[in-house]
Amino acid sequence: MATIAYHPRPIDPVALKELRDTDDAGRPPAPYTDPEGGDPLRCCLRPIAPGEHVALVSYAPLRRWAADTGATPGAYDEQGPVFIHAEDEDCAGPAPDGEGYPFARPAALRTLRRYNAEGRIIGGRLFEIPEDTTAGFDTALAEAFADPEVALVHVRAVEYGCFHFEVRRP
């Protein structure tokens, strides 16, 4: 597998700790043991393994980025469901090898939403993941960051609109 040019960011450890107490919709999580696995974990950017203890929580990635940067996304602030490990000790974070993009299944459709430094959407792209997933993502992200106004890109699933990961300007 090829080394990637951009770095997908998992949910920040501080945010994870908060989400394990109260999610971004103000609800406590309802942890459970997943018997089948397969859904995407946003804390460590890999699929859930059968038998892992996880929680489905509401997460507002742009809101959290804006709080750190002083951006004001206004109506572009949105929240949606993400899977995370239910306990800190269950999550080792993403693999440190830097190879491949998470949840990159050839032929799957993604949207790459581009945001400026104020947190406003300034473009997007429908992206069908090619067989060479790494080269495909590298090209699509290079295209996004070729616009100097782009501060970050959110990669989302088309089917459900789920947030998969964020890439910030290199």
N, C-alpha and C. Protein backbone atom coordinates (compact mmCIF):
# COMPACT_ATOMS: atom_id res chain seq x y z
N MET A 1 0.84 -1.17 0.00
CA MET A 1 0.00 0.00 0.00
C MET A 1 0.89 1.24 0.00
N ALA A 2 0.53 2.25 -0.76
CA ALA A 2 1.33 3.45 -0.89
C ALA A 2 1.14 4.39 0.29
N THR A 3 2.20 5.14 0.58
CA THR A 3 2.11 6.15 1.63
C THR A 3 1.26 7.31 1.11
N ILE A 4 0.40 7.82 1.94
CA ILE A 4 -0.53 8.87 1.53
C ILE A 4 0.12 10.25 1.58
N ALA A 5 -0.41 11.17 0.78
CA ALA A 5 0.13 12.53 0.72
C ALA A 5 -0.54 13.44 1.76
N TYR A 6 -1.76 13.14 2.14
CA TYR A 6 -2.51 13.96 3.09
C TYR A 6 -2.81 13.11 4.32
N HIS A 7 -3.13 13.76 5.42
CA HIS A 7 -3.29 13.01 6.65
C HIS A 7 -4.71 13.12 7.22
N PRO A 8 -5.48 12.05 7.08
CA PRO A 8 -6.82 12.01 7.67
C PRO A 8 -6.70 12.17 9.19
N ARG A 9 -7.55 12.98 9.73
CA ARG A 9 -7.52 13.25 11.16
C ARG A 9 -8.67 12.51 11.85
N PRO A 10 -8.35 11.73 12.88
CA PRO A 10 -9.42 11.13 13.68
C PRO A 10 -10.00 12.19 14.60
N ILE A 11 -11.04 11.83 15.31
CA ILE A 11 -11.59 12.74 16.32
C ILE A 11 -10.52 12.95 17.39
N ASP A 12 -10.31 14.19 17.75
CA ASP A 12 -9.30 14.58 18.74
C ASP A 12 -9.56 13.88 20.08
N PRO A 13 -8.49 13.45 20.78
CA PRO A 13 -8.66 12.77 22.07
C PRO A 13 -9.45 13.58 23.10
N VAL A 14 -9.27 14.89 23.13
CA VAL A 14 -10.03 15.72 24.08
C VAL A 14 -11.52 15.67 23.72
N ALA A 15 -11.84 15.77 22.44
CA ALA A 15 -13.23 15.68 22.00
C ALA A 15 -13.80 14.30 22.31
N LEU A 16 -13.01 13.25 22.11
CA LEU A 16 -13.48 11.90 22.41
C LEU A 16 -13.88 11.77 23.88
N LYS A 17 -13.04 12.30 24.74
CA LYS A 17 -13.35 12.24 26.18
C LYS A 17 -14.68 12.93 26.46
N GLU A 18 -14.91 14.08 25.85
CA GLU A 18 -16.17 14.80 26.03
C GLU A 18 -17.35 14.03 25.45
N LEU A 19 -17.16 13.45 24.26
CA LEU A 19 -18.24 12.71 23.60
C LEU A 19 -18.63 11.46 24.39
N ARG A 20 -17.68 10.88 25.11
CA ARG A 20 -17.98 9.70 25.92
C ARG A 20 -18.81 10.05 27.15
N ASP A 21 -18.89 11.33 27.47
CA ASP A 21 -19.71 11.81 28.58
C ASP A 21 -21.04 12.35 28.06
N THR A 22 -20.96 13.31 27.11
CA THR A 22 -22.14 13.92 26.51
C THR A 22 -21.81 14.22 25.06
N ASP A 23 -22.66 13.80 24.13
CA ASP A 23 -22.34 14.03 22.72
C ASP A 23 -22.69 15.46 22.31
N ASP A 24 -22.43 15.81 21.07
CA ASP A 24 -22.62 17.18 20.61
C ASP A 24 -24.09 17.57 20.44
N ALA A 25 -25.00 16.64 20.67
CA ALA A 25 -26.43 16.95 20.71
C ALA A 25 -26.92 17.06 22.15
N GLY A 26 -25.98 16.92 23.11
CA GLY A 26 -26.33 17.05 24.52
C GLY A 26 -26.83 15.77 25.17
N ARG A 27 -26.66 14.64 24.51
CA ARG A 27 -27.15 13.37 25.05
C ARG A 27 -26.00 12.52 25.58
N PRO A 28 -26.25 11.71 26.61
CA PRO A 28 -25.24 10.76 27.05
C PRO A 28 -25.18 9.60 26.05
N PRO A 29 -23.99 9.04 25.84
CA PRO A 29 -23.91 7.91 24.91
C PRO A 29 -24.57 6.66 25.49
N ALA A 30 -24.90 5.73 24.62
CA ALA A 30 -25.47 4.45 25.03
C ALA A 30 -24.54 3.34 24.51
N PRO A 31 -23.46 3.07 25.23
CA PRO A 31 -22.49 2.06 24.77
C PRO A 31 -23.12 0.67 24.63
N TYR A 32 -22.57 -0.10 23.70
CA TYR A 32 -23.03 -1.46 23.48
C TYR A 32 -21.88 -2.28 22.88
N THR A 33 -22.01 -3.57 22.93
CA THR A 33 -21.03 -4.45 22.32
C THR A 33 -21.55 -4.83 20.94
N ASP A 34 -20.76 -4.53 19.92
CA ASP A 34 -21.18 -4.78 18.55
C ASP A 34 -20.88 -6.25 18.19
N PRO A 35 -21.89 -7.06 17.95
CA PRO A 35 -21.65 -8.49 17.68
C PRO A 35 -21.04 -8.76 16.29
N GLU A 36 -21.29 -7.87 15.33
CA GLU A 36 -20.86 -8.13 13.95
C GLU A 36 -19.69 -7.28 13.51
N GLY A 37 -19.62 -6.05 13.95
CA GLY A 37 -18.55 -5.15 13.53
C GLY A 37 -18.77 -4.65 12.11
N GLY A 38 -17.77 -3.92 11.61
CA GLY A 38 -17.79 -3.45 10.24
C GLY A 38 -18.04 -1.96 10.07
N ASP A 39 -18.76 -1.33 11.00
CA ASP A 39 -19.02 0.10 10.87
C ASP A 39 -17.73 0.89 11.15
N PRO A 40 -17.63 2.10 10.60
CA PRO A 40 -16.38 2.87 10.73
C PRO A 40 -16.24 3.58 12.09
N LEU A 41 -15.12 3.32 12.75
CA LEU A 41 -14.78 4.02 13.99
C LEU A 41 -14.05 5.31 13.63
N ARG A 42 -14.57 6.45 14.09
CA ARG A 42 -13.93 7.73 13.75
C ARG A 42 -12.82 8.09 14.73
N CYS A 43 -12.69 7.34 15.82
CA CYS A 43 -11.63 7.61 16.79
C CYS A 43 -10.30 7.00 16.37
N CYS A 44 -10.34 5.91 15.66
CA CYS A 44 -9.10 5.25 15.25
C CYS A 44 -9.07 4.95 13.75
N LEU A 45 -10.08 5.42 13.04
CA LEU A 45 -10.13 5.34 11.57
C LEU A 45 -9.94 3.93 11.03
N ARG A 46 -10.73 3.02 11.60
CA ARG A 46 -10.77 1.64 11.11
C ARG A 46 -12.15 1.08 11.39
N PRO A 47 -12.49 -0.05 10.77
CA PRO A 47 -13.80 -0.66 11.05
C PRO A 47 -13.87 -1.24 12.47
N ILE A 48 -15.07 -1.29 13.01
CA ILE A 48 -15.31 -1.94 14.29
C ILE A 48 -15.06 -3.43 14.12
N ALA A 49 -14.35 -4.04 15.06
CA ALA A 49 -14.15 -5.49 15.06
C ALA A 49 -15.31 -6.12 15.83
N PRO A 50 -15.74 -7.33 15.43
CA PRO A 50 -16.81 -7.99 16.18
C PRO A 50 -16.45 -8.09 17.66
N GLY A 51 -17.42 -7.76 18.51
CA GLY A 51 -17.23 -7.86 19.95
C GLY A 51 -16.67 -6.61 20.61
N GLU A 52 -16.40 -5.55 19.84
CA GLU A 52 -15.87 -4.33 20.45
C GLU A 52 -16.97 -3.53 21.14
N HIS A 53 -16.58 -2.86 22.21
CA HIS A 53 -17.49 -2.01 22.98
C HIS A 53 -17.44 -0.60 22.40
N VAL A 54 -18.56 -0.16 21.82
CA VAL A 54 -18.60 1.10 21.08
C VAL A 54 -19.82 1.92 21.48
N ALA A 55 -19.88 3.14 20.94
CA ALA A 55 -21.05 3.99 21.12
C ALA A 55 -21.28 4.75 19.82
N LEU A 56 -22.53 4.99 19.52
CA LEU A 56 -22.91 5.83 18.40
C LEU A 56 -23.30 7.17 19.00
N VAL A 57 -22.55 8.22 18.65
CA VAL A 57 -22.76 9.54 19.24
C VAL A 57 -22.94 10.58 18.15
N SER A 58 -23.51 11.71 18.54
CA SER A 58 -23.65 12.84 17.63
C SER A 58 -22.39 13.69 17.73
N TYR A 59 -21.83 14.02 16.57
CA TYR A 59 -20.55 14.73 16.52
C TYR A 59 -20.67 15.91 15.56
N ALA A 60 -20.13 17.06 15.96
CA ALA A 60 -20.16 18.27 15.15
C ALA A 60 -18.72 18.67 14.81
N PRO A 61 -18.14 18.08 13.76
CA PRO A 61 -16.71 18.32 13.48
C PRO A 61 -16.38 19.77 13.17
N LEU A 62 -17.21 20.45 12.40
CA LEU A 62 -16.91 21.83 12.05
C LEU A 62 -17.02 22.74 13.27
N ARG A 63 -17.99 22.48 14.12
CA ARG A 63 -18.16 23.26 15.36
C ARG A 63 -16.91 23.14 16.24
N ARG A 64 -16.40 21.95 16.37
CA ARG A 64 -15.22 21.74 17.21
C ARG A 64 -13.98 22.40 16.59
N TRP A 65 -13.82 22.30 15.27
CA TRP A 65 -12.71 22.97 14.59
C TRP A 65 -12.84 24.48 14.76
N ALA A 66 -14.04 25.01 14.62
CA ALA A 66 -14.27 26.45 14.75
C ALA A 66 -13.94 26.93 16.16
N ALA A 67 -14.26 26.14 17.17
CA ALA A 67 -13.95 26.52 18.56
C ALA A 67 -12.44 26.66 18.75
N ASP A 68 -11.66 25.85 18.06
CA ASP A 68 -10.19 25.92 18.17
C ASP A 68 -9.60 27.05 17.35
N THR A 69 -10.26 27.43 16.27
CA THR A 69 -9.67 28.40 15.34
C THR A 69 -10.29 29.79 15.39
N GLY A 70 -11.45 29.91 16.02
CA GLY A 70 -12.15 31.19 16.04
C GLY A 70 -13.04 31.41 14.83
N ALA A 71 -13.19 30.38 13.98
CA ALA A 71 -14.06 30.48 12.81
C ALA A 71 -15.52 30.58 13.26
N THR A 72 -16.35 31.08 12.37
CA THR A 72 -17.78 31.23 12.65
C THR A 72 -18.59 30.61 11.52
N PRO A 73 -18.77 29.28 11.55
CA PRO A 73 -19.43 28.61 10.43
C PRO A 73 -20.92 28.89 10.29
N GLY A 74 -21.55 29.47 11.29
CA GLY A 74 -22.97 29.78 11.18
C GLY A 74 -23.80 28.56 10.84
N ALA A 75 -24.61 28.69 9.81
CA ALA A 75 -25.52 27.61 9.41
C ALA A 75 -24.80 26.37 8.88
N TYR A 76 -23.52 26.49 8.57
CA TYR A 76 -22.77 25.32 8.08
C TYR A 76 -22.39 24.37 9.21
N ASP A 77 -22.60 24.79 10.44
CA ASP A 77 -22.35 23.92 11.59
C ASP A 77 -23.41 22.83 11.58
N GLU A 78 -22.97 21.60 11.51
CA GLU A 78 -23.92 20.49 11.52
C GLU A 78 -23.36 19.37 12.37
N GLN A 79 -24.24 18.49 12.79
CA GLN A 79 -23.82 17.34 13.58
C GLN A 79 -24.45 16.09 12.99
N GLY A 80 -23.78 14.97 13.25
CA GLY A 80 -24.30 13.72 12.74
C GLY A 80 -23.72 12.55 13.52
N PRO A 81 -24.21 11.36 13.23
CA PRO A 81 -23.80 10.19 13.99
C PRO A 81 -22.42 9.67 13.58
N VAL A 82 -21.64 9.29 14.58
CA VAL A 82 -20.35 8.63 14.35
C VAL A 82 -20.18 7.55 15.41
N PHE A 83 -19.44 6.52 15.04
CA PHE A 83 -19.11 5.45 15.99
C PHE A 83 -17.75 5.76 16.61
N ILE A 84 -17.67 5.55 17.93
CA ILE A 84 -16.41 5.70 18.65
C ILE A 84 -16.28 4.54 19.63
N HIS A 85 -15.06 4.28 20.10
CA HIS A 85 -14.90 3.32 21.19
C HIS A 85 -15.56 3.91 22.43
N ALA A 86 -16.21 3.08 23.20
CA ALA A 86 -16.95 3.54 24.37
C ALA A 86 -16.04 3.95 25.53
N GLU A 87 -14.84 3.42 25.58
CA GLU A 87 -13.91 3.70 26.68
C GLU A 87 -12.54 4.09 26.13
N ASP A 88 -11.85 5.00 26.85
CA ASP A 88 -10.51 5.43 26.44
C ASP A 88 -9.56 4.26 26.23
N GLU A 89 -9.58 3.32 27.18
CA GLU A 89 -8.61 2.21 27.12
C GLU A 89 -8.87 1.26 25.96
N ASP A 90 -10.03 1.35 25.32
CA ASP A 90 -10.35 0.49 24.18
C ASP A 90 -9.75 1.00 22.88
N CYS A 91 -9.29 2.26 22.87
CA CYS A 91 -8.88 2.89 21.63
C CYS A 91 -7.40 3.24 21.63
N ALA A 92 -6.68 2.66 20.70
CA ALA A 92 -5.26 2.96 20.56
C ALA A 92 -5.02 4.08 19.54
N GLY A 93 -6.08 4.59 18.95
CA GLY A 93 -5.94 5.62 17.92
C GLY A 93 -5.59 4.98 16.59
N PRO A 94 -5.41 5.81 15.56
CA PRO A 94 -5.10 5.27 14.23
C PRO A 94 -3.73 4.60 14.19
N ALA A 95 -3.58 3.66 13.28
CA ALA A 95 -2.29 3.02 13.07
C ALA A 95 -1.27 4.08 12.65
N PRO A 96 -0.08 4.04 13.19
CA PRO A 96 0.91 5.08 12.90
C PRO A 96 1.63 4.93 11.56
N ASP A 97 1.28 3.95 10.76
CA ASP A 97 2.02 3.68 9.53
C ASP A 97 1.80 4.71 8.41
N GLY A 98 0.70 5.48 8.48
CA GLY A 98 0.45 6.50 7.47
C GLY A 98 0.15 5.94 6.09
N GLU A 99 -0.28 4.71 6.00
CA GLU A 99 -0.55 4.10 4.70
C GLU A 99 -2.04 3.99 4.46
N GLY A 100 -2.45 4.43 3.29
CA GLY A 100 -3.84 4.29 2.88
C GLY A 100 -4.78 5.25 3.58
N TYR A 101 -5.93 5.46 2.97
CA TYR A 101 -6.97 6.30 3.53
C TYR A 101 -8.02 5.40 4.17
N PRO A 102 -8.59 5.83 5.29
CA PRO A 102 -9.58 4.99 5.95
C PRO A 102 -10.88 4.90 5.17
N PHE A 103 -11.52 3.76 5.31
CA PHE A 103 -12.85 3.52 4.74
C PHE A 103 -12.85 3.72 3.22
N ALA A 104 -11.73 3.37 2.59
CA ALA A 104 -11.55 3.57 1.15
C ALA A 104 -11.84 2.27 0.41
N ARG A 105 -13.07 2.10 0.03
CA ARG A 105 -13.51 0.91 -0.69
C ARG A 105 -13.71 1.30 -2.15
N PRO A 106 -12.97 0.67 -3.08
CA PRO A 106 -13.15 1.03 -4.49
C PRO A 106 -14.63 1.00 -4.90
N ALA A 107 -15.02 2.00 -5.67
CA ALA A 107 -16.36 2.21 -6.21
C ALA A 107 -17.31 2.89 -5.22
N ALA A 108 -16.92 3.03 -3.95
CA ALA A 108 -17.76 3.75 -2.99
C ALA A 108 -17.78 5.23 -3.36
N LEU A 109 -18.89 5.88 -3.08
CA LEU A 109 -19.02 7.31 -3.37
C LEU A 109 -18.80 8.13 -2.11
N ARG A 110 -18.05 9.20 -2.26
CA ARG A 110 -17.80 10.14 -1.16
C ARG A 110 -18.03 11.55 -1.68
N THR A 111 -18.28 12.45 -0.76
CA THR A 111 -18.23 13.87 -1.08
C THR A 111 -17.04 14.43 -0.34
N LEU A 112 -16.37 15.35 -0.99
CA LEU A 112 -15.27 16.08 -0.36
C LEU A 112 -15.72 17.52 -0.26
N ARG A 113 -16.10 17.93 0.95
CA ARG A 113 -16.60 19.29 1.18
C ARG A 113 -15.43 20.18 1.57
N ARG A 114 -15.32 21.29 0.87
CA ARG A 114 -14.24 22.24 1.11
C ARG A 114 -14.75 23.40 1.96
N TYR A 115 -13.99 23.75 2.98
CA TYR A 115 -14.35 24.85 3.87
C TYR A 115 -13.23 25.87 3.89
N ASN A 116 -13.61 27.16 4.02
CA ASN A 116 -12.61 28.21 4.14
C ASN A 116 -12.28 28.43 5.62
N ALA A 117 -11.41 29.39 5.90
CA ALA A 117 -10.96 29.65 7.27
C ALA A 117 -12.07 30.16 8.17
N GLU A 118 -13.16 30.64 7.59
CA GLU A 118 -14.31 31.08 8.39
C GLU A 118 -15.29 29.94 8.67
N GLY A 119 -15.06 28.78 8.06
CA GLY A 119 -15.94 27.64 8.27
C GLY A 119 -17.11 27.58 7.32
N ARG A 120 -17.02 28.30 6.21
CA ARG A 120 -18.09 28.30 5.21
C ARG A 120 -17.73 27.30 4.10
N ILE A 121 -18.72 26.60 3.58
CA ILE A 121 -18.50 25.70 2.45
C ILE A 121 -18.19 26.56 1.23
N ILE A 122 -17.08 26.25 0.57
CA ILE A 122 -16.70 26.99 -0.64
C ILE A 122 -16.55 26.07 -1.84
N GLY A 123 -17.05 24.88 -1.72
CA GLY A 123 -17.01 23.96 -2.84
C GLY A 123 -17.09 22.53 -2.36
N GLY A 124 -17.22 21.66 -3.30
CA GLY A 124 -17.28 20.26 -2.98
C GLY A 124 -17.13 19.44 -4.23
N ARG A 125 -17.00 18.17 -4.02
CA ARG A 125 -16.81 17.28 -5.15
C ARG A 125 -17.38 15.91 -4.82
N LEU A 126 -18.10 15.36 -5.78
CA LEU A 126 -18.51 13.96 -5.70
C LEU A 126 -17.31 13.15 -6.15
N PHE A 127 -16.98 12.12 -5.40
CA PHE A 127 -15.76 11.35 -5.65
C PHE A 127 -16.08 9.87 -5.59
N GLU A 128 -15.86 9.17 -6.70
CA GLU A 128 -15.97 7.72 -6.71
C GLU A 128 -14.58 7.17 -6.49
N ILE A 129 -14.42 6.40 -5.43
CA ILE A 129 -13.10 5.89 -5.07
C ILE A 129 -12.64 4.90 -6.13
N PRO A 130 -11.47 5.16 -6.76
CA PRO A 130 -10.97 4.26 -7.80
C PRO A 130 -10.27 3.04 -7.20
N GLU A 131 -9.87 2.13 -8.05
CA GLU A 131 -9.15 0.93 -7.61
C GLU A 131 -7.89 1.31 -6.83
N ASP A 132 -7.13 2.27 -7.35
CA ASP A 132 -5.95 2.75 -6.62
C ASP A 132 -6.45 3.83 -5.67
N THR A 133 -6.93 3.40 -4.51
CA THR A 133 -7.59 4.30 -3.58
C THR A 133 -6.68 5.43 -3.10
N THR A 134 -5.43 5.11 -2.82
CA THR A 134 -4.51 6.14 -2.31
C THR A 134 -4.26 7.21 -3.35
N ALA A 135 -3.93 6.82 -4.57
CA ALA A 135 -3.69 7.81 -5.63
C ALA A 135 -4.95 8.62 -5.91
N GLY A 136 -6.10 7.98 -5.86
CA GLY A 136 -7.35 8.69 -6.10
C GLY A 136 -7.62 9.77 -5.06
N PHE A 137 -7.47 9.40 -3.78
CA PHE A 137 -7.66 10.39 -2.72
C PHE A 137 -6.60 11.48 -2.81
N ASP A 138 -5.35 11.09 -3.04
CA ASP A 138 -4.28 12.10 -3.16
C ASP A 138 -4.62 13.13 -4.23
N THR A 139 -5.08 12.67 -5.38
CA THR A 139 -5.42 13.57 -6.48
C THR A 139 -6.60 14.47 -6.12
N ALA A 140 -7.65 13.89 -5.55
CA ALA A 140 -8.83 14.67 -5.20
C ALA A 140 -8.52 15.71 -4.12
N LEU A 141 -7.70 15.35 -3.15
CA LEU A 141 -7.35 16.30 -2.10
C LEU A 141 -6.39 17.37 -2.61
N ALA A 142 -5.48 17.00 -3.51
CA ALA A 142 -4.59 18.00 -4.12
C ALA A 142 -5.41 19.02 -4.89
N GLU A 143 -6.44 18.54 -5.59
CA GLU A 143 -7.33 19.44 -6.32
C GLU A 143 -8.03 20.40 -5.36
N ALA A 144 -8.50 19.88 -4.23
CA ALA A 144 -9.19 20.73 -3.25
C ALA A 144 -8.24 21.78 -2.68
N PHE A 145 -7.05 21.37 -2.28
CA PHE A 145 -6.12 22.30 -1.65
C PHE A 145 -5.37 23.18 -2.65
N ALA A 146 -5.58 22.97 -3.94
CA ALA A 146 -5.01 23.88 -4.95
C ALA A 146 -5.67 25.26 -4.83
N ASP A 147 -6.87 25.30 -4.30
CA ASP A 147 -7.55 26.57 -4.04
C ASP A 147 -7.00 27.11 -2.71
N PRO A 148 -6.31 28.24 -2.71
CA PRO A 148 -5.71 28.76 -1.48
C PRO A 148 -6.71 29.13 -0.40
N GLU A 149 -7.98 29.26 -0.76
CA GLU A 149 -9.01 29.58 0.23
C GLU A 149 -9.41 28.37 1.08
N VAL A 150 -9.11 27.16 0.61
CA VAL A 150 -9.53 25.95 1.32
C VAL A 150 -8.65 25.74 2.54
N ALA A 151 -9.29 25.70 3.71
CA ALA A 151 -8.59 25.46 4.97
C ALA A 151 -8.66 24.00 5.40
N LEU A 152 -9.78 23.35 5.09
CA LEU A 152 -9.95 21.95 5.45
C LEU A 152 -10.99 21.30 4.54
N VAL A 153 -10.93 19.98 4.50
CA VAL A 153 -11.85 19.19 3.69
C VAL A 153 -12.45 18.12 4.58
N HIS A 154 -13.78 17.98 4.50
CA HIS A 154 -14.46 16.87 5.18
C HIS A 154 -14.79 15.82 4.14
N VAL A 155 -14.46 14.59 4.44
CA VAL A 155 -14.80 13.46 3.58
C VAL A 155 -16.01 12.79 4.21
N ARG A 156 -17.07 12.65 3.41
CA ARG A 156 -18.33 12.09 3.89
C ARG A 156 -18.83 11.01 2.95
N ALA A 157 -19.58 10.07 3.50
CA ALA A 157 -20.24 9.05 2.70
C ALA A 157 -21.44 9.69 2.00
N VAL A 158 -21.68 9.30 0.77
CA VAL A 158 -22.81 9.84 0.03
C VAL A 158 -24.12 9.22 0.53
N GLU A 159 -24.10 7.92 0.79
CA GLU A 159 -25.34 7.21 1.12
C GLU A 159 -26.05 7.80 2.34
N TYR A 160 -25.30 8.07 3.39
CA TYR A 160 -25.91 8.55 4.63
C TYR A 160 -25.44 9.94 5.01
N GLY A 161 -24.48 10.48 4.31
CA GLY A 161 -23.94 11.80 4.64
C GLY A 161 -23.01 11.77 5.84
N CYS A 162 -22.65 10.58 6.29
CA CYS A 162 -21.83 10.44 7.49
C CYS A 162 -20.44 11.03 7.30
N PHE A 163 -19.98 11.72 8.32
CA PHE A 163 -18.63 12.24 8.37
C PHE A 163 -17.67 11.07 8.52
N HIS A 164 -16.66 10.98 7.65
CA HIS A 164 -15.67 9.92 7.75
C HIS A 164 -14.38 10.43 8.37
N PHE A 165 -13.84 11.51 7.80
CA PHE A 165 -12.63 12.09 8.38
C PHE A 165 -12.41 13.48 7.81
N GLU A 166 -11.48 14.19 8.43
CA GLU A 166 -11.14 15.55 8.05
C GLU A 166 -9.68 15.59 7.62
N VAL A 167 -9.39 16.43 6.63
CA VAL A 167 -8.02 16.69 6.22
C VAL A 167 -7.84 18.20 6.26
N ARG A 168 -6.79 18.64 6.94
CA ARG A 168 -6.52 20.08 7.01
C ARG A 168 -5.42 20.44 6.03
N ARG A 169 -5.35 21.73 5.72
CA ARG A 169 -4.33 22.22 4.78
C ARG A 169 -2.97 21.77 5.26
N PRO A 170 -2.19 21.17 4.34
CA PRO A 170 -0.84 20.69 4.75
C PRO A 170 0.08 21.85 5.10
